[in-house]
Amino acid sequence: HSAPTHANPRRPVPPPVRTYHGTDPSLVPTHNASATLHYRDGHYNGNINVKSRQRCGEGSYAYEMGYFKYTGQWRNGIKEGRGRLEFGDGGFYEGEFSQGEIIGRGVQR
């Protein structure tokens, strides 16, 4: 189940993105893009900042080992803001992340 998408007046609207599917974000002809990127430990599907070549905005990262999947906000390539970390056993944490770490303001099951 995904949360309903509606405008949040306190959150800026991201710039329009172009779609890119591949492994080299330097080939994207804009500074913001939607991408599917593959890494040694998993794959990412979501927004990237092409200039910095980092995950930025909304996106999902599925870890290769299959035990973790993170869906939520990213900044400078790390988990930052609201997100959901799902575990292979069906458990999850949904809430706030700061500098890639769970900061405890959320729900865990």
C-alpha atoms as a PDB file:
ATOM      1  CA  HIS A   1       0.000   0.000   0.000  1.00  0.00           C
ATOM      2  CA  SER A   2       1.312   3.405  -0.834  1.00  0.00           C
ATOM      3  CA  ALA A   3       0.407   6.596   0.967  1.00  0.00           C
ATOM      4  CA  PRO A   4      -1.892   9.007  -0.850  1.00  0.00           C
ATOM      5  CA  THR A   5      -0.024  11.670  -2.728  1.00  0.00           C
ATOM      6  CA  HIS A   6      -1.194  15.206  -2.066  1.00  0.00           C
ATOM      7  CA  ALA A   7       0.477  18.586  -1.942  1.00  0.00           C
ATOM      8  CA  ASN A   8       2.179  19.592   1.284  1.00  0.00           C
ATOM      9  CA  PRO A   9       2.286  23.400   1.549  1.00  0.00           C
ATOM     10  CA  ARG A  10       5.479  23.279   3.676  1.00  0.00           C
ATOM     11  CA  ARG A  11       7.359  21.136   1.187  1.00  0.00           C
ATOM     12  CA  PRO A  12       8.723  22.646  -2.055  1.00  0.00           C
ATOM     13  CA  VAL A  13       7.598  21.117  -5.316  1.00  0.00           C
ATOM     14  CA  PRO A  14      10.523  19.354  -7.016  1.00  0.00           C
ATOM     15  CA  PRO A  15      11.507  20.488 -10.507  1.00  0.00           C
ATOM     16  CA  PRO A  16      10.276  18.407 -13.446  1.00  0.00           C
ATOM     17  CA  VAL A  17      12.391  15.325 -14.105  1.00  0.00           C
ATOM     18  CA  ARG A  18      13.325  13.398 -17.185  1.00  0.00           C
ATOM     19  CA  THR A  19      13.397   9.619 -17.187  1.00  0.00           C
ATOM     20  CA  TYR A  20      16.697   7.745 -17.408  1.00  0.00           C
ATOM     21  CA  HIS A  21      17.247   3.994 -17.221  1.00  0.00           C
ATOM     22  CA  GLY A  22      20.844   2.863 -17.093  1.00  0.00           C
ATOM     23  CA  THR A  23      24.012   2.774 -15.058  1.00  0.00           C
ATOM     24  CA  ASP A  24      25.746   6.056 -15.920  1.00  0.00           C
ATOM     25  CA  PRO A  25      23.978   9.160 -14.561  1.00  0.00           C
ATOM     26  CA  SER A  26      26.490  11.392 -16.358  1.00  0.00           C
ATOM     27  CA  LEU A  27      24.595  10.616 -19.576  1.00  0.00           C
ATOM     28  CA  VAL A  28      21.415  12.335 -18.356  1.00  0.00           C
ATOM     29  CA  PRO A  29      21.005  15.716 -20.099  1.00  0.00           C
ATOM     30  CA  THR A  30      19.581  17.591 -17.094  1.00  0.00           C
ATOM     31  CA  HIS A  31      20.489  18.326 -13.453  1.00  0.00           C
ATOM     32  CA  ASN A  32      17.545  16.366 -12.011  1.00  0.00           C
ATOM     33  CA  ALA A  33      16.382  13.029 -13.299  1.00  0.00           C
ATOM     34  CA  SER A  34      14.470   9.911 -12.454  1.00  0.00           C
ATOM     35  CA  ALA A  35      16.816   6.950 -12.731  1.00  0.00           C
ATOM     36  CA  THR A  36      17.320   3.250 -12.158  1.00  0.00           C
ATOM     37  CA  LEU A  37      20.902   2.719 -11.025  1.00  0.00           C
ATOM     38  CA  HIS A  38      22.676  -0.543 -10.206  1.00  0.00           C
ATOM     39  CA  TYR A  39      25.343  -0.870  -7.497  1.00  0.00           C
ATOM     40  CA  ARG A  40      27.365  -3.787  -6.098  1.00  0.00           C
ATOM     41  CA  ASP A  41      25.091  -4.082  -3.051  1.00  0.00           C
ATOM     42  CA  GLY A  42      21.716  -3.328  -4.668  1.00  0.00           C
ATOM     43  CA  HIS A  43      19.779  -1.053  -6.988  1.00  0.00           C
ATOM     44  CA  TYR A  44      18.145   2.367  -6.713  1.00  0.00           C
ATOM     45  CA  ASN A  45      15.044   3.627  -8.474  1.00  0.00           C
ATOM     46  CA  GLY A  46      14.141   7.278  -7.984  1.00  0.00           C
ATOM     47  CA  ASN A  47      15.375  10.842  -8.247  1.00  0.00           C
ATOM     48  CA  ILE A  48      19.032  11.750  -8.592  1.00  0.00           C
ATOM     49  CA  ASN A  49      20.988  14.967  -8.784  1.00  0.00           C
ATOM     50  CA  VAL A  50      22.949  14.482 -11.977  1.00  0.00           C
ATOM     51  CA  LYS A  51      25.453  17.205 -11.164  1.00  0.00           C
ATOM     52  CA  SER A  52      26.522  15.521  -7.908  1.00  0.00           C
ATOM     53  CA  ARG A  53      25.621  12.004  -9.175  1.00  0.00           C
ATOM     54  CA  GLN A  54      23.908  11.247  -5.872  1.00  0.00           C
ATOM     55  CA  ARG A  55      20.479  10.010  -4.805  1.00  0.00           C
ATOM     56  CA  CYS A  56      18.360  13.076  -4.061  1.00  0.00           C
ATOM     57  CA  GLY A  57      14.622  13.487  -3.436  1.00  0.00           C
ATOM     58  CA  GLU A  58      12.279  10.498  -3.432  1.00  0.00           C
ATOM     59  CA  GLY A  59      13.460   6.994  -4.232  1.00  0.00           C
ATOM     60  CA  SER A  60      13.774   3.325  -3.300  1.00  0.00           C
ATOM     61  CA  TYR A  61      16.912   1.268  -2.673  1.00  0.00           C
ATOM     62  CA  ALA A  62      16.660  -2.533  -2.625  1.00  0.00           C
ATOM     63  CA  TYR A  63      19.716  -4.188  -1.120  1.00  0.00           C
ATOM     64  CA  GLU A  64      21.169  -7.123  -3.073  1.00  0.00           C
ATOM     65  CA  MET A  65      20.956  -9.557  -0.140  1.00  0.00           C
ATOM     66  CA  GLY A  66      17.188  -9.029  -0.178  1.00  0.00           C
ATOM     67  CA  TYR A  67      16.785  -8.376   3.538  1.00  0.00           C
ATOM     68  CA  PHE A  68      16.391  -4.571   3.410  1.00  0.00           C
ATOM     69  CA  LYS A  69      14.488  -2.151   1.204  1.00  0.00           C
ATOM     70  CA  TYR A  70      14.327   1.589   1.873  1.00  0.00           C
ATOM     71  CA  THR A  71      11.724   3.835   0.269  1.00  0.00           C
ATOM     72  CA  GLY A  72      11.657   7.517   1.074  1.00  0.00           C
ATOM     73  CA  GLN A  73      13.607  10.741   0.995  1.00  0.00           C
ATOM     74  CA  TRP A  74      17.310  11.108   0.158  1.00  0.00           C
ATOM     75  CA  ARG A  75      19.780  13.972   0.405  1.00  0.00           C
ATOM     76  CA  ASN A  76      23.387  13.902  -0.826  1.00  0.00           C
ATOM     77  CA  GLY A  77      23.177  10.146  -1.419  1.00  0.00           C
ATOM     78  CA  ILE A  78      21.970   9.167   2.080  1.00  0.00           C
ATOM     79  CA  LYS A  79      18.618   8.550   3.762  1.00  0.00           C
ATOM     80  CA  GLU A  80      17.341  11.886   5.085  1.00  0.00           C
ATOM     81  CA  GLY A  81      13.772  12.814   6.062  1.00  0.00           C
ATOM     82  CA  ARG A  82      10.736  10.514   6.021  1.00  0.00           C
ATOM     83  CA  GLY A  83      11.083   6.953   4.879  1.00  0.00           C
ATOM     84  CA  ARG A  84      10.239   3.292   5.327  1.00  0.00           C
ATOM     85  CA  LEU A  85      12.840   0.581   5.906  1.00  0.00           C
ATOM     86  CA  GLU A  86      11.407  -2.881   5.268  1.00  0.00           C
ATOM     87  CA  PHE A  87      12.997  -6.060   6.611  1.00  0.00           C
ATOM     88  CA  GLY A  88      12.970  -9.499   4.966  1.00  0.00           C
ATOM     89  CA  ASP A  89      11.023 -10.991   7.891  1.00  0.00           C
ATOM     90  CA  GLY A  90       8.051  -8.663   7.225  1.00  0.00           C
ATOM     91  CA  GLY A  91       8.961  -6.085   9.879  1.00  0.00           C
ATOM     92  CA  PHE A  92       9.533  -2.417   9.117  1.00  0.00           C
ATOM     93  CA  TYR A  93      10.386   0.992  10.499  1.00  0.00           C
ATOM     94  CA  GLU A  94       8.506   3.984   9.123  1.00  0.00           C
ATOM     95  CA  GLY A  95       9.443   7.457  10.243  1.00  0.00           C
ATOM     96  CA  GLU A  96      12.352   9.881  10.377  1.00  0.00           C
ATOM     97  CA  PHE A  97      15.923   9.326   9.189  1.00  0.00           C
ATOM     98  CA  SER A  98      18.876  11.638   9.707  1.00  0.00           C
ATOM     99  CA  GLN A  99      22.289  11.184   8.077  1.00  0.00           C
ATOM    100  CA  GLY A 100      21.286   7.664   7.024  1.00  0.00           C
ATOM    101  CA  GLU A 101      20.214   6.565  10.514  1.00  0.00           C
ATOM    102  CA  ILE A 102      16.831   5.909  12.173  1.00  0.00           C
ATOM    103  CA  ILE A 103      16.265   8.700  14.672  1.00  0.00           C
ATOM    104  CA  GLY A 104      13.388   7.103  16.590  1.00  0.00           C
ATOM    105  CA  ARG A 105      10.450   9.274  15.582  1.00  0.00           C
ATOM    106  CA  GLY A 106       8.340   6.685  13.852  1.00  0.00           C
ATOM    107  CA  VAL A 107       6.623   3.302  13.976  1.00  0.00           C
ATOM    108  CA  GLN A 108       8.453  -0.019  14.110  1.00  0.00           C
ATOM    109  CA  ARG A 109       6.950  -3.506  13.762  1.00  0.00           C
END
